[in-house]
Amino acid sequence: MVMNHEIIIFSPILAVLIGSIVFTIFKKRKRSAKSIYKLIDDLEKKYIY
Protein backbone atom coordinates (compact mmCIF):
# COMPACT_ATOMS: atom_id res chain seq x y z
CA MET A 1 0.00 0.00 0.00
CA VAL A 2 2.75 2.44 0.86
CA MET A 3 4.58 1.93 -2.45
CA ASN A 4 1.44 2.65 -4.47
CA HIS A 5 0.86 5.85 -2.53
CA GLU A 6 4.42 7.07 -3.21
CA ILE A 7 4.13 6.25 -6.92
CA ILE A 8 0.87 8.21 -7.14
CA ILE A 9 2.47 11.24 -5.49
CA PHE A 10 5.88 11.25 -7.21
CA SER A 11 5.02 10.27 -10.79
CA PRO A 12 3.22 13.56 -11.67
CA ILE A 13 6.02 15.56 -10.05
CA LEU A 14 8.59 13.65 -12.07
CA ALA A 15 6.58 14.10 -15.28
CA VAL A 16 6.31 17.87 -14.75
CA LEU A 17 10.04 18.09 -14.02
CA ILE A 18 10.99 16.19 -17.18
CA GLY A 19 8.50 18.21 -19.24
CA SER A 20 9.89 21.51 -18.01
CA ILE A 21 13.46 20.44 -18.78
CA VAL A 22 12.52 19.41 -22.32
CA PHE A 23 10.59 22.66 -22.83
CA THR A 24 13.54 24.80 -21.77
CA ILE A 25 15.90 22.88 -24.07
CA PHE A 26 13.60 23.42 -27.08
CA LYS A 27 13.14 27.07 -26.18
CA LYS A 28 16.90 27.66 -26.05
CA ARG A 29 17.42 25.90 -29.39
CA LYS A 30 14.72 28.02 -31.00
CA ARG A 31 16.29 31.19 -29.68
CA SER A 32 19.74 30.24 -30.91
CA ALA A 33 18.39 29.45 -34.38
CA LYS A 34 16.71 32.87 -34.43
CA SER A 35 19.96 34.57 -33.48
CA ILE A 36 21.84 32.70 -36.23
CA TYR A 37 19.32 33.81 -38.87
CA LYS A 38 19.56 37.38 -37.58
CA LEU A 39 23.34 37.24 -37.79
CA ILE A 40 23.18 35.97 -41.38
CA ASP A 41 20.75 38.74 -42.35
CA ASP A 42 22.98 41.38 -40.75
CA LEU A 43 26.03 40.09 -42.60
CA GLU A 44 24.15 40.04 -45.90
CA LYS A 45 23.03 43.64 -45.42
CA LYS A 46 26.56 44.71 -44.51
CA TYR A 47 28.46 43.03 -47.35
CA ILE A 48 25.97 42.62 -50.19
CA TYR A 49 23.88 45.79 -50.19
PDB file of N, CA and C in Angstrom:
ATOM      1  N   MET A   1       0.821  -1.211   0.000  1.00  0.00           N
ATOM      2  CA  MET A   1       0.000   0.000   0.000  1.00  0.00           C
ATOM      3  C   MET A   1       0.859   1.267   0.000  1.00  0.00           C
ATOM      4  N   VAL A   2       1.920   1.243   0.759  1.00  0.00           N
ATOM      5  CA  VAL A   2       2.754   2.440   0.865  1.00  0.00           C
ATOM      6  C   VAL A   2       3.439   2.738  -0.468  1.00  0.00           C
ATOM      7  N   MET A   3       3.915   1.720  -1.162  1.00  0.00           N
ATOM      8  CA  MET A   3       4.581   1.928  -2.450  1.00  0.00           C
ATOM      9  C   MET A   3       3.633   2.556  -3.470  1.00  0.00           C
ATOM     10  N   ASN A   4       2.406   2.095  -3.527  1.00  0.00           N
ATOM     11  CA  ASN A   4       1.442   2.651  -4.475  1.00  0.00           C
ATOM     12  C   ASN A   4       1.174   4.124  -4.178  1.00  0.00           C
ATOM     13  N   HIS A   5       1.103   4.469  -2.912  1.00  0.00           N
ATOM     14  CA  HIS A   5       0.858   5.855  -2.527  1.00  0.00           C
ATOM     15  C   HIS A   5       2.028   6.742  -2.968  1.00  0.00           C
ATOM     16  N   GLU A   6       3.262   6.281  -2.797  1.00  0.00           N
ATOM     17  CA  GLU A   6       4.424   7.069  -3.209  1.00  0.00           C
ATOM     18  C   GLU A   6       4.481   7.219  -4.725  1.00  0.00           C
ATOM     19  N   ILE A   7       4.135   6.171  -5.448  1.00  0.00           N
ATOM     20  CA  ILE A   7       4.127   6.247  -6.916  1.00  0.00           C
ATOM     21  C   ILE A   7       3.093   7.259  -7.386  1.00  0.00           C
ATOM     22  N   ILE A   8       1.933   7.274  -6.761  1.00  0.00           N
ATOM     23  CA  ILE A   8       0.869   8.211  -7.145  1.00  0.00           C
ATOM     24  C   ILE A   8       1.306   9.649  -6.887  1.00  0.00           C
ATOM     25  N   ILE A   9       2.045   9.878  -5.825  1.00  0.00           N
ATOM     26  CA  ILE A   9       2.473  11.245  -5.495  1.00  0.00           C
ATOM     27  C   ILE A   9       3.644  11.685  -6.378  1.00  0.00           C
ATOM     28  N   PHE A  10       4.648  10.820  -6.567  1.00  0.00           N
ATOM     29  CA  PHE A  10       5.885  11.247  -7.206  1.00  0.00           C
ATOM     30  C   PHE A  10       5.861  11.185  -8.727  1.00  0.00           C
ATOM     31  N   SER A  11       5.020  10.360  -9.323  1.00  0.00           N
ATOM     32  CA  SER A  11       5.022  10.274 -10.790  1.00  0.00           C
ATOM     33  C   SER A  11       4.570  11.568 -11.472  1.00  0.00           C
ATOM     34  N   PRO A  12       3.532  12.269 -11.026  1.00  0.00           N
ATOM     35  CA  PRO A  12       3.218  13.562 -11.671  1.00  0.00           C
ATOM     36  C   PRO A  12       4.310  14.608 -11.464  1.00  0.00           C
ATOM     37  N   ILE A  13       4.942  14.608 -10.306  1.00  0.00           N
ATOM     38  CA  ILE A  13       6.016  15.563 -10.049  1.00  0.00           C
ATOM     39  C   ILE A  13       7.181  15.292 -10.990  1.00  0.00           C
ATOM     40  N   LEU A  14       7.515  14.024 -11.167  1.00  0.00           N
ATOM     41  CA  LEU A  14       8.594  13.649 -12.074  1.00  0.00           C
ATOM     42  C   LEU A  14       8.251  14.000 -13.511  1.00  0.00           C
ATOM     43  N   ALA A  15       7.005  13.777 -13.913  1.00  0.00           N
ATOM     44  CA  ALA A  15       6.578  14.096 -15.279  1.00  0.00           C
ATOM     45  C   ALA A  15       6.658  15.601 -15.540  1.00  0.00           C
ATOM     46  N   VAL A  16       6.249  16.401 -14.594  1.00  0.00           N
ATOM     47  CA  VAL A  16       6.310  17.865 -14.746  1.00  0.00           C
ATOM     48  C   VAL A  16       7.762  18.329 -14.821  1.00  0.00           C
ATOM     49  N   LEU A  17       8.627  17.726 -14.010  1.00  0.00           N
ATOM     50  CA  LEU A  17      10.036  18.090 -14.023  1.00  0.00           C
ATOM     51  C   LEU A  17      10.677  17.768 -15.374  1.00  0.00           C
ATOM     52  N   ILE A  18      10.438  16.582 -15.881  1.00  0.00           N
ATOM     53  CA  ILE A  18      10.987  16.190 -17.178  1.00  0.00           C
ATOM     54  C   ILE A  18      10.420  17.079 -18.292  1.00  0.00           C
ATOM     55  N   GLY A  19       9.122  17.357 -18.238  1.00  0.00           N
ATOM     56  CA  GLY A  19       8.497  18.212 -19.244  1.00  0.00           C
ATOM     57  C   GLY A  19       9.079  19.615 -19.247  1.00  0.00           C
ATOM     58  N   SER A  20       9.333  20.159 -18.072  1.00  0.00           N
ATOM     59  CA  SER A  20       9.887  21.513 -18.012  1.00  0.00           C
ATOM     60  C   SER A  20      11.322  21.546 -18.533  1.00  0.00           C
ATOM     61  N   ILE A  21      12.095  20.498 -18.267  1.00  0.00           N
ATOM     62  CA  ILE A  21      13.464  20.444 -18.778  1.00  0.00           C
ATOM     63  C   ILE A  21      13.467  20.378 -20.304  1.00  0.00           C
ATOM     64  N   VAL A  22      12.606  19.526 -20.868  1.00  0.00           N
ATOM     65  CA  VAL A  22      12.520  19.405 -22.323  1.00  0.00           C
ATOM     66  C   VAL A  22      12.068  20.722 -22.953  1.00  0.00           C
ATOM     67  N   PHE A  23      11.094  21.385 -22.315  1.00  0.00           N
ATOM     68  CA  PHE A  23      10.591  22.656 -22.835  1.00  0.00           C
ATOM     69  C   PHE A  23      11.680  23.718 -22.852  1.00  0.00           C
ATOM     70  N   THR A  24      12.479  23.793 -21.796  1.00  0.00           N
ATOM     71  CA  THR A  24      13.541  24.799 -21.772  1.00  0.00           C
ATOM     72  C   THR A  24      14.612  24.504 -22.816  1.00  0.00           C
ATOM     73  N   ILE A  25      14.903  23.222 -23.049  1.00  0.00           N
ATOM     74  CA  ILE A  25      15.895  22.877 -24.075  1.00  0.00           C
ATOM     75  C   ILE A  25      15.407  23.310 -25.452  1.00  0.00           C
ATOM     76  N   PHE A  26      14.127  23.022 -25.770  1.00  0.00           N
ATOM     77  CA  PHE A  26      13.601  23.416 -27.077  1.00  0.00           C
ATOM     78  C   PHE A  26      13.534  24.929 -27.213  1.00  0.00           C
ATOM     79  N   LYS A  27      13.216  25.619 -26.130  1.00  0.00           N
ATOM     80  CA  LYS A  27      13.140  27.068 -26.177  1.00  0.00           C
ATOM     81  C   LYS A  27      14.513  27.678 -26.445  1.00  0.00           C
ATOM     82  N   LYS A  28      15.553  27.141 -25.827  1.00  0.00           N
ATOM     83  CA  LYS A  28      16.903  27.656 -26.054  1.00  0.00           C
ATOM     84  C   LYS A  28      17.350  27.388 -27.481  1.00  0.00           C
ATOM     85  N   ARG A  29      17.034  26.207 -28.017  1.00  0.00           N
ATOM     86  CA  ARG A  29      17.422  25.904 -29.389  1.00  0.00           C
ATOM     87  C   ARG A  29      16.731  26.835 -30.362  1.00  0.00           C
ATOM     88  N   LYS A  30      15.466  27.123 -30.117  1.00  0.00           N
ATOM     89  CA  LYS A  30      14.717  28.016 -31.001  1.00  0.00           C
ATOM     90  C   LYS A  30      15.349  29.406 -30.980  1.00  0.00           C
ATOM     91  N   ARG A  31      15.694  29.865 -29.811  1.00  0.00           N
ATOM     92  CA  ARG A  31      16.287  31.190 -29.679  1.00  0.00           C
ATOM     93  C   ARG A  31      17.633  31.246 -30.387  1.00  0.00           C
ATOM     94  N   SER A  32      18.436  30.212 -30.268  1.00  0.00           N
ATOM     95  CA  SER A  32      19.743  30.244 -30.909  1.00  0.00           C
ATOM     96  C   SER A  32      19.608  30.211 -32.430  1.00  0.00           C
ATOM     97  N   ALA A  33      18.616  29.466 -32.937  1.00  0.00           N
ATOM     98  CA  ALA A  33      18.386  29.449 -34.382  1.00  0.00           C
ATOM     99  C   ALA A  33      17.963  30.840 -34.862  1.00  0.00           C
ATOM    100  N   LYS A  34      17.128  31.509 -34.081  1.00  0.00           N
ATOM    101  CA  LYS A  34      16.712  32.871 -34.433  1.00  0.00           C
ATOM    102  C   LYS A  34      17.912  33.801 -34.479  1.00  0.00           C
ATOM    103  N   SER A  35      18.797  33.678 -33.510  1.00  0.00           N
ATOM    104  CA  SER A  35      19.956  34.568 -33.479  1.00  0.00           C
ATOM    105  C   SER A  35      20.889  34.288 -34.653  1.00  0.00           C
ATOM    106  N   ILE A  36      21.003  33.029 -35.067  1.00  0.00           N
ATOM    107  CA  ILE A  36      21.839  32.695 -36.230  1.00  0.00           C
ATOM    108  C   ILE A  36      21.260  33.315 -37.494  1.00  0.00           C
ATOM    109  N   TYR A  37      19.943  33.207 -37.687  1.00  0.00           N
ATOM    110  CA  TYR A  37      19.317  33.814 -38.867  1.00  0.00           C
ATOM    111  C   TYR A  37      19.481  35.337 -38.856  1.00  0.00           C
ATOM    112  N   LYS A  38      19.382  35.937 -37.678  1.00  0.00           N
ATOM    113  CA  LYS A  38      19.558  37.381 -37.583  1.00  0.00           C
ATOM    114  C   LYS A  38      20.989  37.769 -37.937  1.00  0.00           C
ATOM    115  N   LEU A  39      21.949  36.972 -37.476  1.00  0.00           N
ATOM    116  CA  LEU A  39      23.341  37.237 -37.792  1.00  0.00           C
ATOM    117  C   LEU A  39      23.596  37.142 -39.290  1.00  0.00           C
ATOM    118  N   ILE A  40      23.030  36.123 -39.936  1.00  0.00           N
ATOM    119  CA  ILE A  40      23.181  35.970 -41.383  1.00  0.00           C
ATOM    120  C   ILE A  40      22.575  37.156 -42.118  1.00  0.00           C
ATOM    121  N   ASP A  41      21.392  37.585 -41.709  1.00  0.00           N
ATOM    122  CA  ASP A  41      20.753  38.741 -42.345  1.00  0.00           C
ATOM    123  C   ASP A  41      21.594  40.000 -42.185  1.00  0.00           C
ATOM    124  N   ASP A  42      22.144  40.199 -40.985  1.00  0.00           N
ATOM    125  CA  ASP A  42      22.975  41.377 -40.753  1.00  0.00           C
ATOM    126  C   ASP A  42      24.227  41.360 -41.628  1.00  0.00           C
ATOM    127  N   LEU A  43      24.838  40.186 -41.757  1.00  0.00           N
ATOM    128  CA  LEU A  43      26.030  40.092 -42.602  1.00  0.00           C
ATOM    129  C   LEU A  43      25.704  40.318 -44.076  1.00  0.00           C
ATOM    130  N   GLU A  44      24.560  39.806 -44.512  1.00  0.00           N
ATOM    131  CA  GLU A  44      24.150  40.042 -45.899  1.00  0.00           C
ATOM    132  C   GLU A  44      23.940  41.524 -46.160  1.00  0.00           C
ATOM    133  N   LYS A  45      23.278  42.211 -45.248  1.00  0.00           N
ATOM    134  CA  LYS A  45      23.033  43.641 -45.422  1.00  0.00           C
ATOM    135  C   LYS A  45      24.349  44.424 -45.431  1.00  0.00           C
ATOM    136  N   LYS A  46      25.301  43.978 -44.623  1.00  0.00           N
ATOM    137  CA  LYS A  46      26.563  44.705 -44.511  1.00  0.00           C
ATOM    138  C   LYS A  46      27.428  44.520 -45.752  1.00  0.00           C
ATOM    139  N   TYR A  47      27.500  43.305 -46.285  1.00  0.00           N
ATOM    140  CA  TYR A  47      28.464  43.034 -47.350  1.00  0.00           C
ATOM    141  C   TYR A  47      27.863  42.986 -48.749  1.00  0.00           C
ATOM    142  N   ILE A  48      26.564  42.754 -48.847  1.00  0.00           N
ATOM    143  CA  ILE A  48      25.972  42.623 -50.190  1.00  0.00           C
ATOM    144  C   ILE A  48      25.348  43.943 -50.641  1.00  0.00           C
ATOM    145  N   TYR A  49      24.605  44.597 -49.762  1.00  0.00           N
ATOM    146  CA  TYR A  49      23.885  45.792 -50.189  1.00  0.00           C
ATOM    147  C   TYR A  49      24.701  47.045 -50.022  1.00  0.00           C
TER     148      TYR A  49
END
